[in-house]
Amino acid sequence: IPIRLIDTTKARKLLDFVPKTDLQEGLRKTIEWYRENQIKNPLSKN
C-alpha cells in the first residue's frame, strides 16, 4: 500500500500510551545492534 497511517488517539486515551523513541534514535539503536550481533553477510548488488 502506498500510504498507511493510523490514528493513535485511542491508545493515548485508554492506555495513556505515548511512544518515547523518535525515528532517528530508534534507527541508531537498531543499526548499532545489527552491527554488534549479526554475522556479517553482505548483500549482493542483485
ModelCIF file with pLDDT and N, C-alpha, C, O atoms, coordinates in Angstrom:
data_MODEL
#
_entry.id   MODEL 
#
_entity.id                         1 
_entity.type                       polymer 
_entity.pdbx_number_of_molecules   1 
#
_entity_poly.entity_id                      1 
_entity_poly.type                           'polypeptide(L)' 
_entity_poly.nstd_linkage                   no 
_entity_poly.nstd_monomer                   no 
_entity_poly.pdbx_seq_one_letter_code       IPIRLIDTTKARKLLDFVPKTDLQEGLRKTIEWYRENQIKNPLSKN 
_entity_poly.pdbx_seq_one_letter_code_can   IPIRLIDTTKARKLLDFVPKTDLQEGLRKTIEWYRENQIKNPLSKN 
_entity_poly.pdbx_strand_id                 A 
#
loop_
_entity_poly_seq.entity_id 
_entity_poly_seq.num 
_entity_poly_seq.mon_id 
_entity_poly_seq.hetero 
1 1  ILE n 
1 2  PRO n 
1 3  ILE n 
1 4  ARG n 
1 5  LEU n 
1 6  ILE n 
1 7  ASP n 
1 8  THR n 
1 9  THR n 
1 10 LYS n 
1 11 ALA n 
1 12 ARG n 
1 13 LYS n 
1 14 LEU n 
1 15 LEU n 
1 16 ASP n 
1 17 PHE n 
1 18 VAL n 
1 19 PRO n 
1 20 LYS n 
1 21 THR n 
1 22 ASP n 
1 23 LEU n 
1 24 GLN n 
1 25 GLU n 
1 26 GLY n 
1 27 LEU n 
1 28 ARG n 
1 29 LYS n 
1 30 THR n 
1 31 ILE n 
1 32 GLU n 
1 33 TRP n 
1 34 TYR n 
1 35 ARG n 
1 36 GLU n 
1 37 ASN n 
1 38 GLN n 
1 39 ILE n 
1 40 LYS n 
1 41 ASN n 
1 42 PRO n 
1 43 LEU n 
1 44 SER n 
1 45 LYS n 
1 46 ASN n 
#
_struct_asym.id          A 
_struct_asym.entity_id   1 
#
loop_
_ma_qa_metric.id 
_ma_qa_metric.mode 
_ma_qa_metric.name 
_ma_qa_metric.software_group_id 
_ma_qa_metric.type 
1 global pLDDT . pLDDT 
2 local  pLDDT . pLDDT 
#
_ma_qa_metric_global.metric_id      1 
_ma_qa_metric_global.metric_value   86.50 
_ma_qa_metric_global.model_id       1 
_ma_qa_metric_global.ordinal_id     1 
#
loop_
_ma_qa_metric_local.label_asym_id 
_ma_qa_metric_local.label_comp_id 
_ma_qa_metric_local.label_seq_id 
_ma_qa_metric_local.metric_id 
_ma_qa_metric_local.metric_value 
_ma_qa_metric_local.model_id 
_ma_qa_metric_local.ordinal_id 
A ILE 1  2 90.00 1 1  
A PRO 2  2 93.00 1 2  
A ILE 3  2 95.00 1 3  
A ARG 4  2 96.00 1 4  
A LEU 5  2 97.00 1 5  
A ILE 6  2 98.00 1 6  
A ASP 7  2 98.00 1 7  
A THR 8  2 98.00 1 8  
A THR 9  2 98.00 1 9  
A LYS 10 2 98.00 1 10 
A ALA 11 2 98.00 1 11 
A ARG 12 2 98.00 1 12 
A LYS 13 2 98.00 1 13 
A LEU 14 2 98.00 1 14 
A LEU 15 2 98.00 1 15 
A ASP 16 2 97.00 1 16 
A PHE 17 2 98.00 1 17 
A VAL 18 2 97.00 1 18 
A PRO 19 2 98.00 1 19 
A LYS 20 2 97.00 1 20 
A THR 21 2 98.00 1 21 
A ASP 22 2 97.00 1 22 
A LEU 23 2 98.00 1 23 
A GLN 24 2 97.00 1 24 
A GLU 25 2 98.00 1 25 
A GLY 26 2 98.00 1 26 
A LEU 27 2 98.00 1 27 
A ARG 28 2 98.00 1 28 
A LYS 29 2 98.00 1 29 
A THR 30 2 97.00 1 30 
A ILE 31 2 96.00 1 31 
A GLU 32 2 96.00 1 32 
A TRP 33 2 96.00 1 33 
A TYR 34 2 96.00 1 34 
A ARG 35 2 92.00 1 35 
A GLU 36 2 93.00 1 36 
A ASN 37 2 90.00 1 37 
A GLN 38 2 78.00 1 38 
A ILE 39 2 50.00 1 39 
A LYS 40 2 49.00 1 40 
A ASN 41 2 43.00 1 41 
A PRO 42 2 44.00 1 42 
A LEU 43 2 38.00 1 43 
A SER 44 2 36.00 1 44 
A LYS 45 2 34.00 1 45 
A ASN 46 2 33.00 1 46 
#
loop_
_atom_site.group_PDB 
_atom_site.id 
_atom_site.type_symbol 
_atom_site.label_atom_id 
_atom_site.label_alt_id 
_atom_site.label_comp_id 
_atom_site.label_asym_id 
_atom_site.label_entity_id 
_atom_site.label_seq_id 
_atom_site.pdbx_PDB_ins_code 
_atom_site.Cartn_x 
_atom_site.Cartn_y 
_atom_site.Cartn_z 
_atom_site.occupancy 
_atom_site.B_iso_or_equiv 
_atom_site.pdbx_formal_charge 
_atom_site.auth_seq_id 
_atom_site.auth_comp_id 
_atom_site.auth_asym_id 
_atom_site.auth_atom_id 
_atom_site.pdbx_PDB_model_num 
ATOM 1   N N  . ILE A 1 1  ? 0.828  -1.198  0.000  1.00 90.00 ? 1  ILE A N  1 
ATOM 2   C CA . ILE A 1 1  ? 0.000  0.000   0.000  1.00 90.00 ? 1  ILE A CA 1 
ATOM 3   C C  . ILE A 1 1  ? 0.874  1.265   0.000  1.00 90.00 ? 1  ILE A C  1 
ATOM 4   O O  . ILE A 1 1  ? 1.821  1.346   0.783  1.00 90.00 ? 1  ILE A O  1 
ATOM 5   N N  . PRO A 1 2  ? 0.582  2.244   -0.851 1.00 93.00 ? 2  PRO A N  1 
ATOM 6   C CA . PRO A 1 2  ? 1.447  3.429   -0.949 1.00 93.00 ? 2  PRO A CA 1 
ATOM 7   C C  . PRO A 1 2  ? 1.517  4.249   0.331  1.00 93.00 ? 2  PRO A C  1 
ATOM 8   O O  . PRO A 1 2  ? 2.585  4.742   0.696  1.00 93.00 ? 2  PRO A O  1 
ATOM 9   N N  . ILE A 1 3  ? 0.395  4.399   1.010  1.00 95.00 ? 3  ILE A N  1 
ATOM 10  C CA . ILE A 1 3  ? 0.364  5.188   2.247  1.00 95.00 ? 3  ILE A CA 1 
ATOM 11  C C  . ILE A 1 3  ? -0.397 4.407   3.302  1.00 95.00 ? 3  ILE A C  1 
ATOM 12  O O  . ILE A 1 3  ? -1.509 3.943   3.054  1.00 95.00 ? 3  ILE A O  1 
ATOM 13  N N  . ARG A 1 4  ? 0.197  4.261   4.477  1.00 96.00 ? 4  ARG A N  1 
ATOM 14  C CA . ARG A 1 4  ? -0.503 3.660   5.605  1.00 96.00 ? 4  ARG A CA 1 
ATOM 15  C C  . ARG A 1 4  ? -0.216 4.473   6.867  1.00 96.00 ? 4  ARG A C  1 
ATOM 16  O O  . ARG A 1 4  ? 0.889  4.444   7.410  1.00 96.00 ? 4  ARG A O  1 
ATOM 17  N N  . LEU A 1 5  ? -1.222 5.184   7.308  1.00 97.00 ? 5  LEU A N  1 
ATOM 18  C CA . LEU A 1 5  ? -1.139 5.951   8.543  1.00 97.00 ? 5  LEU A CA 1 
ATOM 19  C C  . LEU A 1 5  ? -2.267 5.492   9.459  1.00 97.00 ? 5  LEU A C  1 
ATOM 20  O O  . LEU A 1 5  ? -3.360 5.181   8.986  1.00 97.00 ? 5  LEU A O  1 
ATOM 21  N N  . ILE A 1 6  ? -2.013 5.448   10.762 1.00 98.00 ? 6  ILE A N  1 
ATOM 22  C CA . ILE A 1 6  ? -3.031 5.019   11.713 1.00 98.00 ? 6  ILE A CA 1 
ATOM 23  C C  . ILE A 1 6  ? -3.266 6.099   12.764 1.00 98.00 ? 6  ILE A C  1 
ATOM 24  O O  . ILE A 1 6  ? -2.346 6.817   13.156 1.00 98.00 ? 6  ILE A O  1 
ATOM 25  N N  . ASP A 1 7  ? -4.500 6.198   13.207 1.00 98.00 ? 7  ASP A N  1 
ATOM 26  C CA . ASP A 1 7  ? -4.879 7.156   14.245 1.00 98.00 ? 7  ASP A CA 1 
ATOM 27  C C  . ASP A 1 7  ? -4.572 6.541   15.614 1.00 98.00 ? 7  ASP A C  1 
ATOM 28  O O  . ASP A 1 7  ? -5.058 5.453   15.924 1.00 98.00 ? 7  ASP A O  1 
ATOM 29  N N  . THR A 1 8  ? -3.776 7.221   16.428 1.00 98.00 ? 8  THR A N  1 
ATOM 30  C CA . THR A 1 8  ? -3.335 6.666   17.720 1.00 98.00 ? 8  THR A CA 1 
ATOM 31  C C  . THR A 1 8  ? -4.024 7.336   18.914 1.00 98.00 ? 8  THR A C  1 
ATOM 32  O O  . THR A 1 8  ? -3.562 7.211   20.048 1.00 98.00 ? 8  THR A O  1 
ATOM 33  N N  . THR A 1 9  ? -5.120 8.040   18.660 1.00 98.00 ? 9  THR A N  1 
ATOM 34  C CA . THR A 1 9  ? -5.839 8.746   19.734 1.00 98.00 ? 9  THR A CA 1 
ATOM 35  C C  . THR A 1 9  ? -6.315 7.783   20.816 1.00 98.00 ? 9  THR A C  1 
ATOM 36  O O  . THR A 1 9  ? -6.191 8.073   22.006 1.00 98.00 ? 9  THR A O  1 
ATOM 37  N N  . LYS A 1 10 ? -6.855 6.644   20.408 1.00 98.00 ? 10 LYS A N  1 
ATOM 38  C CA . LYS A 1 10 ? -7.418 5.688   21.366 1.00 98.00 ? 10 LYS A CA 1 
ATOM 39  C C  . LYS A 1 10 ? -6.356 5.138   22.309 1.00 98.00 ? 10 LYS A C  1 
ATOM 40  O O  . LYS A 1 10 ? -6.631 4.920   23.489 1.00 98.00 ? 10 LYS A O  1 
ATOM 41  N N  . ALA A 1 11 ? -5.143 4.910   21.802 1.00 98.00 ? 11 ALA A N  1 
ATOM 42  C CA . ALA A 1 11 ? -4.060 4.410   22.655 1.00 98.00 ? 11 ALA A CA 1 
ATOM 43  C C  . ALA A 1 11 ? -3.702 5.429   23.733 1.00 98.00 ? 11 ALA A C  1 
ATOM 44  O O  . ALA A 1 11 ? -3.450 5.064   24.882 1.00 98.00 ? 11 ALA A O  1 
ATOM 45  N N  . ARG A 1 12 ? -3.681 6.688   23.364 1.00 98.00 ? 12 ARG A N  1 
ATOM 46  C CA . ARG A 1 12 ? -3.391 7.730   24.360 1.00 98.00 ? 12 ARG A CA 1 
ATOM 47  C C  . ARG A 1 12 ? -4.496 7.794   25.402 1.00 98.00 ? 12 ARG A C  1 
ATOM 48  O O  . ARG A 1 12 ? -4.227 7.995   26.586 1.00 98.00 ? 12 ARG A O  1 
ATOM 49  N N  . LYS A 1 13 ? -5.732 7.625   24.967 1.00 98.00 ? 13 LYS A N  1 
ATOM 50  C CA . LYS A 1 13 ? -6.867 7.760   25.879 1.00 98.00 ? 13 LYS A CA 1 
ATOM 51  C C  . LYS A 1 13 ? -7.001 6.562   26.816 1.00 98.00 ? 13 LYS A C  1 
ATOM 52  O O  . LYS A 1 13 ? -7.142 6.733   28.027 1.00 98.00 ? 13 LYS A O  1 
ATOM 53  N N  . LEU A 1 14 ? -6.959 5.352   26.260 1.00 98.00 ? 14 LEU A N  1 
ATOM 54  C CA . LEU A 1 14 ? -7.215 4.154   27.078 1.00 98.00 ? 14 LEU A CA 1 
ATOM 55  C C  . LEU A 1 14 ? -5.985 3.651   27.817 1.00 98.00 ? 14 LEU A C  1 
ATOM 56  O O  . LEU A 1 14 ? -6.094 3.140   28.932 1.00 98.00 ? 14 LEU A O  1 
ATOM 57  N N  . LEU A 1 15 ? -4.819 3.793   27.204 1.00 98.00 ? 15 LEU A N  1 
ATOM 58  C CA . LEU A 1 15 ? -3.602 3.233   27.787 1.00 98.00 ? 15 LEU A CA 1 
ATOM 59  C C  . LEU A 1 15 ? -2.669 4.296   28.353 1.00 98.00 ? 15 LEU A C  1 
ATOM 60  O O  . LEU A 1 15 ? -1.691 3.978   29.029 1.00 98.00 ? 15 LEU A O  1 
ATOM 61  N N  . ASP A 1 16 ? -2.977 5.558   28.074 1.00 97.00 ? 16 ASP A N  1 
ATOM 62  C CA . ASP A 1 16 ? -2.052 6.646   28.402 1.00 97.00 ? 16 ASP A CA 1 
ATOM 63  C C  . ASP A 1 16 ? -0.683 6.369   27.772 1.00 97.00 ? 16 ASP A C  1 
ATOM 64  O O  . ASP A 1 16 ? 0.366  6.607   28.371 1.00 97.00 ? 16 ASP A O  1 
ATOM 65  N N  . PHE A 1 17 ? -0.739 5.855   26.537 1.00 98.00 ? 17 PHE A N  1 
ATOM 66  C CA . PHE A 1 17 ? 0.484  5.450   25.857 1.00 98.00 ? 17 PHE A CA 1 
ATOM 67  C C  . PHE A 1 17 ? 0.945  6.511   24.874 1.00 98.00 ? 17 PHE A C  1 
ATOM 68  O O  . PHE A 1 17 ? 0.196  6.942   23.997 1.00 98.00 ? 17 PHE A O  1 
ATOM 69  N N  . VAL A 1 18 ? 2.195  6.922   25.043 1.00 97.00 ? 18 VAL A N  1 
ATOM 70  C CA . VAL A 1 18 ? 2.864  7.810   24.105 1.00 97.00 ? 18 VAL A CA 1 
ATOM 71  C C  . VAL A 1 18 ? 4.247  7.233   23.854 1.00 97.00 ? 18 VAL A C  1 
ATOM 72  O O  . VAL A 1 18 ? 4.999  7.045   24.810 1.00 97.00 ? 18 VAL A O  1 
ATOM 73  N N  . PRO A 1 19 ? 4.618  6.941   22.599 1.00 98.00 ? 19 PRO A N  1 
ATOM 74  C CA . PRO A 1 19 ? 5.944  6.365   22.323 1.00 98.00 ? 19 PRO A CA 1 
ATOM 75  C C  . PRO A 1 19 ? 7.060  7.312   22.728 1.00 98.00 ? 19 PRO A C  1 
ATOM 76  O O  . PRO A 1 19 ? 6.938  8.532   22.613 1.00 98.00 ? 19 PRO A O  1 
ATOM 77  N N  . LYS A 1 20 ? 8.158  6.723   23.208 1.00 97.00 ? 20 LYS A N  1 
ATOM 78  C CA . LYS A 1 20 ? 9.279  7.511   23.724 1.00 97.00 ? 20 LYS A CA 1 
ATOM 79  C C  . LYS A 1 20 ? 10.414 7.678   22.721 1.00 97.00 ? 20 LYS A C  1 
ATOM 80  O O  . LYS A 1 20 ? 11.232 8.587   22.861 1.00 97.00 ? 20 LYS A O  1 
ATOM 81  N N  . THR A 1 21 ? 10.472 6.822   21.720 1.00 98.00 ? 21 THR A N  1 
ATOM 82  C CA . THR A 1 21 ? 11.654 6.748   20.859 1.00 98.00 ? 21 THR A CA 1 
ATOM 83  C C  . THR A 1 21 ? 11.360 7.335   19.486 1.00 98.00 ? 21 THR A C  1 
ATOM 84  O O  . THR A 1 21 ? 10.540 6.803   18.737 1.00 98.00 ? 21 THR A O  1 
ATOM 85  N N  . ASP A 1 22 ? 12.041 8.448   19.155 1.00 97.00 ? 22 ASP A N  1 
ATOM 86  C CA . ASP A 1 22 ? 11.832 9.010   17.822 1.00 97.00 ? 22 ASP A CA 1 
ATOM 87  C C  . ASP A 1 22 ? 12.573 8.177   16.784 1.00 97.00 ? 22 ASP A C  1 
ATOM 88  O O  . ASP A 1 22 ? 13.375 7.308   17.125 1.00 97.00 ? 22 ASP A O  1 
ATOM 89  N N  . LEU A 1 23 ? 12.296 8.451   15.522 1.00 98.00 ? 23 LEU A N  1 
ATOM 90  C CA . LEU A 1 23 ? 12.807 7.596   14.464 1.00 98.00 ? 23 LEU A CA 1 
ATOM 91  C C  . LEU A 1 23 ? 14.327 7.595   14.402 1.00 98.00 ? 23 LEU A C  1 
ATOM 92  O O  . LEU A 1 23 ? 14.933 6.538   14.227 1.00 98.00 ? 23 LEU A O  1 
ATOM 93  N N  . GLN A 1 24 ? 14.944 8.738   14.541 1.00 97.00 ? 24 GLN A N  1 
ATOM 94  C CA . GLN A 1 24 ? 16.404 8.792   14.443 1.00 97.00 ? 24 GLN A CA 1 
ATOM 95  C C  . GLN A 1 24 ? 17.067 7.975   15.554 1.00 97.00 ? 24 GLN A C  1 
ATOM 96  O O  . GLN A 1 24 ? 18.022 7.240   15.306 1.00 97.00 ? 24 GLN A O  1 
ATOM 97  N N  . GLU A 1 25 ? 16.550 8.111   16.786 1.00 98.00 ? 25 GLU A N  1 
ATOM 98  C CA . GLU A 1 25 ? 17.125 7.352   17.904 1.00 98.00 ? 25 GLU A CA 1 
ATOM 99  C C  . GLU A 1 25 ? 16.877 5.858   17.715 1.00 98.00 ? 25 GLU A C  1 
ATOM 100 O O  . GLU A 1 25 ? 17.772 5.047   17.954 1.00 98.00 ? 25 GLU A O  1 
ATOM 101 N N  . GLY A 1 26 ? 15.676 5.491   17.290 1.00 98.00 ? 26 GLY A N  1 
ATOM 102 C CA . GLY A 1 26 ? 15.366 4.079   17.103 1.00 98.00 ? 26 GLY A CA 1 
ATOM 103 C C  . GLY A 1 26 ? 16.205 3.449   16.012 1.00 98.00 ? 26 GLY A C  1 
ATOM 104 O O  . GLY A 1 26 ? 16.680 2.324   16.167 1.00 98.00 ? 26 GLY A O  1 
ATOM 105 N N  . LEU A 1 27 ? 16.392 4.155   14.912 1.00 98.00 ? 27 LEU A N  1 
ATOM 106 C CA . LEU A 1 27 ? 17.224 3.622   13.835 1.00 98.00 ? 27 LEU A CA 1 
ATOM 107 C C  . LEU A 1 27 ? 18.678 3.502   14.263 1.00 98.00 ? 27 LEU A C  1 
ATOM 108 O O  . LEU A 1 27 ? 19.361 2.541   13.908 1.00 98.00 ? 27 LEU A O  1 
ATOM 109 N N  . ARG A 1 28 ? 19.144 4.475   15.019 1.00 98.00 ? 28 ARG A N  1 
ATOM 110 C CA . ARG A 1 28 ? 20.533 4.419   15.501 1.00 98.00 ? 28 ARG A CA 1 
ATOM 111 C C  . ARG A 1 28 ? 20.732 3.203   16.404 1.00 98.00 ? 28 ARG A C  1 
ATOM 112 O O  . ARG A 1 28 ? 21.714 2.476   16.250 1.00 98.00 ? 28 ARG A O  1 
ATOM 113 N N  . LYS A 1 29 ? 19.822 2.975   17.336 1.00 98.00 ? 29 LYS A N  1 
ATOM 114 C CA . LYS A 1 29 ? 19.926 1.826   18.235 1.00 98.00 ? 29 LYS A CA 1 
ATOM 115 C C  . LYS A 1 29 ? 19.882 0.512   17.461 1.00 98.00 ? 29 LYS A C  1 
ATOM 116 O O  . LYS A 1 29 ? 20.612 -0.429  17.771 1.00 98.00 ? 29 LYS A O  1 
ATOM 117 N N  . THR A 1 30 ? 19.017 0.462   16.452 1.00 97.00 ? 30 THR A N  1 
ATOM 118 C CA . THR A 1 30 ? 18.845 -0.777  15.699 1.00 97.00 ? 30 THR A CA 1 
ATOM 119 C C  . THR A 1 30 ? 20.069 -1.084  14.849 1.00 97.00 ? 30 THR A C  1 
ATOM 120 O O  . THR A 1 30 ? 20.514 -2.229  14.792 1.00 97.00 ? 30 THR A O  1 
ATOM 121 N N  . ILE A 1 31 ? 20.610 -0.075  14.192 1.00 96.00 ? 31 ILE A N  1 
ATOM 122 C CA . ILE A 1 31 ? 21.771 -0.323  13.328 1.00 96.00 ? 31 ILE A CA 1 
ATOM 123 C C  . ILE A 1 31 ? 22.993 -0.677  14.168 1.00 96.00 ? 31 ILE A C  1 
ATOM 124 O O  . ILE A 1 31 ? 23.834 -1.463  13.730 1.00 96.00 ? 31 ILE A O  1 
ATOM 125 N N  . GLU A 1 32 ? 23.103 -0.105  15.375 1.00 96.00 ? 32 GLU A N  1 
ATOM 126 C CA . GLU A 1 32 ? 24.192 -0.485  16.281 1.00 96.00 ? 32 GLU A CA 1 
ATOM 127 C C  . GLU A 1 32 ? 24.026 -1.928  16.732 1.00 96.00 ? 32 GLU A C  1 
ATOM 128 O O  . GLU A 1 32 ? 25.002 -2.675  16.798 1.00 96.00 ? 32 GLU A O  1 
ATOM 129 N N  . TRP A 1 33 ? 22.801 -2.321  17.042 1.00 96.00 ? 33 TRP A N  1 
ATOM 130 C CA . TRP A 1 33 ? 22.555 -3.705  17.452 1.00 96.00 ? 33 TRP A CA 1 
ATOM 131 C C  . TRP A 1 33 ? 22.875 -4.652  16.307 1.00 96.00 ? 33 TRP A C  1 
ATOM 132 O O  . TRP A 1 33 ? 23.500 -5.692  16.516 1.00 96.00 ? 33 TRP A O  1 
ATOM 133 N N  . TYR A 1 34 ? 22.451 -4.302  15.103 1.00 96.00 ? 34 TYR A N  1 
ATOM 134 C CA . TYR A 1 34 ? 22.711 -5.156  13.953 1.00 96.00 ? 34 TYR A CA 1 
ATOM 135 C C  . TYR A 1 34 ? 24.205 -5.392  13.778 1.00 96.00 ? 34 TYR A C  1 
ATOM 136 O O  . TYR A 1 34 ? 24.648 -6.522  13.572 1.00 96.00 ? 34 TYR A O  1 
ATOM 137 N N  . ARG A 1 35 ? 24.969 -4.319  13.861 1.00 92.00 ? 35 ARG A N  1 
ATOM 138 C CA . ARG A 1 35 ? 26.409 -4.444  13.643 1.00 92.00 ? 35 ARG A CA 1 
ATOM 139 C C  . ARG A 1 35 ? 27.072 -5.300  14.727 1.00 92.00 ? 35 ARG A C  1 
ATOM 140 O O  . ARG A 1 35 ? 28.018 -6.036  14.444 1.00 92.00 ? 35 ARG A O  1 
ATOM 141 N N  . GLU A 1 36 ? 26.583 -5.208  15.952 1.00 93.00 ? 36 GLU A N  1 
ATOM 142 C CA . GLU A 1 36 ? 27.190 -5.936  17.068 1.00 93.00 ? 36 GLU A CA 1 
ATOM 143 C C  . GLU A 1 36 ? 26.757 -7.396  17.137 1.00 93.00 ? 36 GLU A C  1 
ATOM 144 O O  . GLU A 1 36 ? 27.473 -8.229  17.694 1.00 93.00 ? 36 GLU A O  1 
ATOM 145 N N  . ASN A 1 37 ? 25.599 -7.711  16.578 1.00 90.00 ? 37 ASN A N  1 
ATOM 146 C CA . ASN A 1 37 ? 25.030 -9.042  16.820 1.00 90.00 ? 37 ASN A CA 1 
ATOM 147 C C  . ASN A 1 37 ? 24.837 -9.917  15.588 1.00 90.00 ? 37 ASN A C  1 
ATOM 148 O O  . ASN A 1 37 ? 24.773 -11.140 15.714 1.00 90.00 ? 37 ASN A O  1 
ATOM 149 N N  . GLN A 1 38 ? 24.744 -9.335  14.422 1.00 78.00 ? 38 GLN A N  1 
ATOM 150 C CA . GLN A 1 38 ? 24.508 -10.136 13.231 1.00 78.00 ? 38 GLN A CA 1 
ATOM 151 C C  . GLN A 1 38 ? 25.826 -10.579 12.608 1.00 78.00 ? 38 GLN A C  1 
ATOM 152 O O  . GLN A 1 38 ? 26.788 -9.813  12.552 1.00 78.00 ? 38 GLN A O  1 
ATOM 153 N N  . ILE A 1 39 ? 25.857 -11.824 12.140 1.00 50.00 ? 39 ILE A N  1 
ATOM 154 C CA . ILE A 1 39 ? 27.016 -12.315 11.409 1.00 50.00 ? 39 ILE A CA 1 
ATOM 155 C C  . ILE A 1 39 ? 27.070 -11.589 10.075 1.00 50.00 ? 39 ILE A C  1 
ATOM 156 O O  . ILE A 1 39 ? 26.067 -11.527 9.365  1.00 50.00 ? 39 ILE A O  1 
ATOM 157 N N  . LYS A 1 40 ? 28.193 -11.056 9.736  1.00 49.00 ? 40 LYS A N  1 
ATOM 158 C CA . LYS A 1 40 ? 28.310 -10.296 8.505  1.00 49.00 ? 40 LYS A CA 1 
ATOM 159 C C  . LYS A 1 40 ? 28.084 -11.195 7.285  1.00 49.00 ? 40 LYS A C  1 
ATOM 160 O O  . LYS A 1 40 ? 28.738 -12.223 7.109  1.00 49.00 ? 40 LYS A O  1 
ATOM 161 N N  . ASN A 1 41 ? 27.160 -10.776 6.478  1.00 43.00 ? 41 ASN A N  1 
ATOM 162 C CA . ASN A 1 41 ? 26.859 -11.490 5.231  1.00 43.00 ? 41 ASN A CA 1 
ATOM 163 C C  . ASN A 1 41 ? 26.386 -10.460 4.222  1.00 43.00 ? 41 ASN A C  1 
ATOM 164 O O  . ASN A 1 41 ? 25.189 -10.399 3.939  1.00 43.00 ? 41 ASN A O  1 
ATOM 165 N N  . PRO A 1 42 ? 27.284 -9.642  3.664  1.00 44.00 ? 42 PRO A N  1 
ATOM 166 C CA . PRO A 1 42 ? 26.876 -8.533  2.806  1.00 44.00 ? 42 PRO A CA 1 
ATOM 167 C C  . PRO A 1 42 ? 25.997 -8.980  1.648  1.00 44.00 ? 42 PRO A C  1 
ATOM 168 O O  . PRO A 1 42 ? 26.192 -10.050 1.069  1.00 44.00 ? 42 PRO A O  1 
ATOM 169 N N  . LEU A 1 43 ? 25.040 -8.144  1.330  1.00 38.00 ? 43 LEU A N  1 
ATOM 170 C CA . LEU A 1 43 ? 24.134 -8.437  0.237  1.00 38.00 ? 43 LEU A CA 1 
ATOM 171 C C  . LEU A 1 43 ? 24.816 -8.208  -1.100 1.00 38.00 ? 43 LEU A C  1 
ATOM 172 O O  . LEU A 1 43 ? 25.702 -7.364  -1.225 1.00 38.00 ? 43 LEU A O  1 
ATOM 173 N N  . SER A 1 44 ? 24.402 -8.949  -2.064 1.00 36.00 ? 44 SER A N  1 
ATOM 174 C CA . SER A 1 44 ? 24.929 -8.740  -3.409 1.00 36.00 ? 44 SER A CA 1 
ATOM 175 C C  . SER A 1 44 ? 24.185 -7.594  -4.075 1.00 36.00 ? 44 SER A C  1 
ATOM 176 O O  . SER A 1 44 ? 23.156 -7.140  -3.576 1.00 36.00 ? 44 SER A O  1 
ATOM 177 N N  . LYS A 1 45 ? 24.693 -7.142  -5.172 1.00 34.00 ? 45 LYS A N  1 
ATOM 178 C CA . LYS A 1 45 ? 24.081 -5.998  -5.841 1.00 34.00 ? 45 LYS A CA 1 
ATOM 179 C C  . LYS A 1 45 ? 22.719 -6.346  -6.439 1.00 34.00 ? 45 LYS A C  1 
ATOM 180 O O  . LYS A 1 45 ? 21.972 -5.451  -6.834 1.00 34.00 ? 45 LYS A O  1 
ATOM 181 N N  . ASN A 1 46 ? 22.395 -7.622  -6.507 1.00 33.00 ? 46 ASN A N  1 
ATOM 182 C CA . ASN A 1 46 ? 21.137 -8.025  -7.100 1.00 33.00 ? 46 ASN A CA 1 
ATOM 183 C C  . ASN A 1 46 ? 20.028 -8.215  -6.079 1.00 33.00 ? 46 ASN A C  1 
ATOM 184 O O  . ASN A 1 46 ? 18.904 -8.557  -6.446 1.00 33.00 ? 46 ASN A O  1 
#
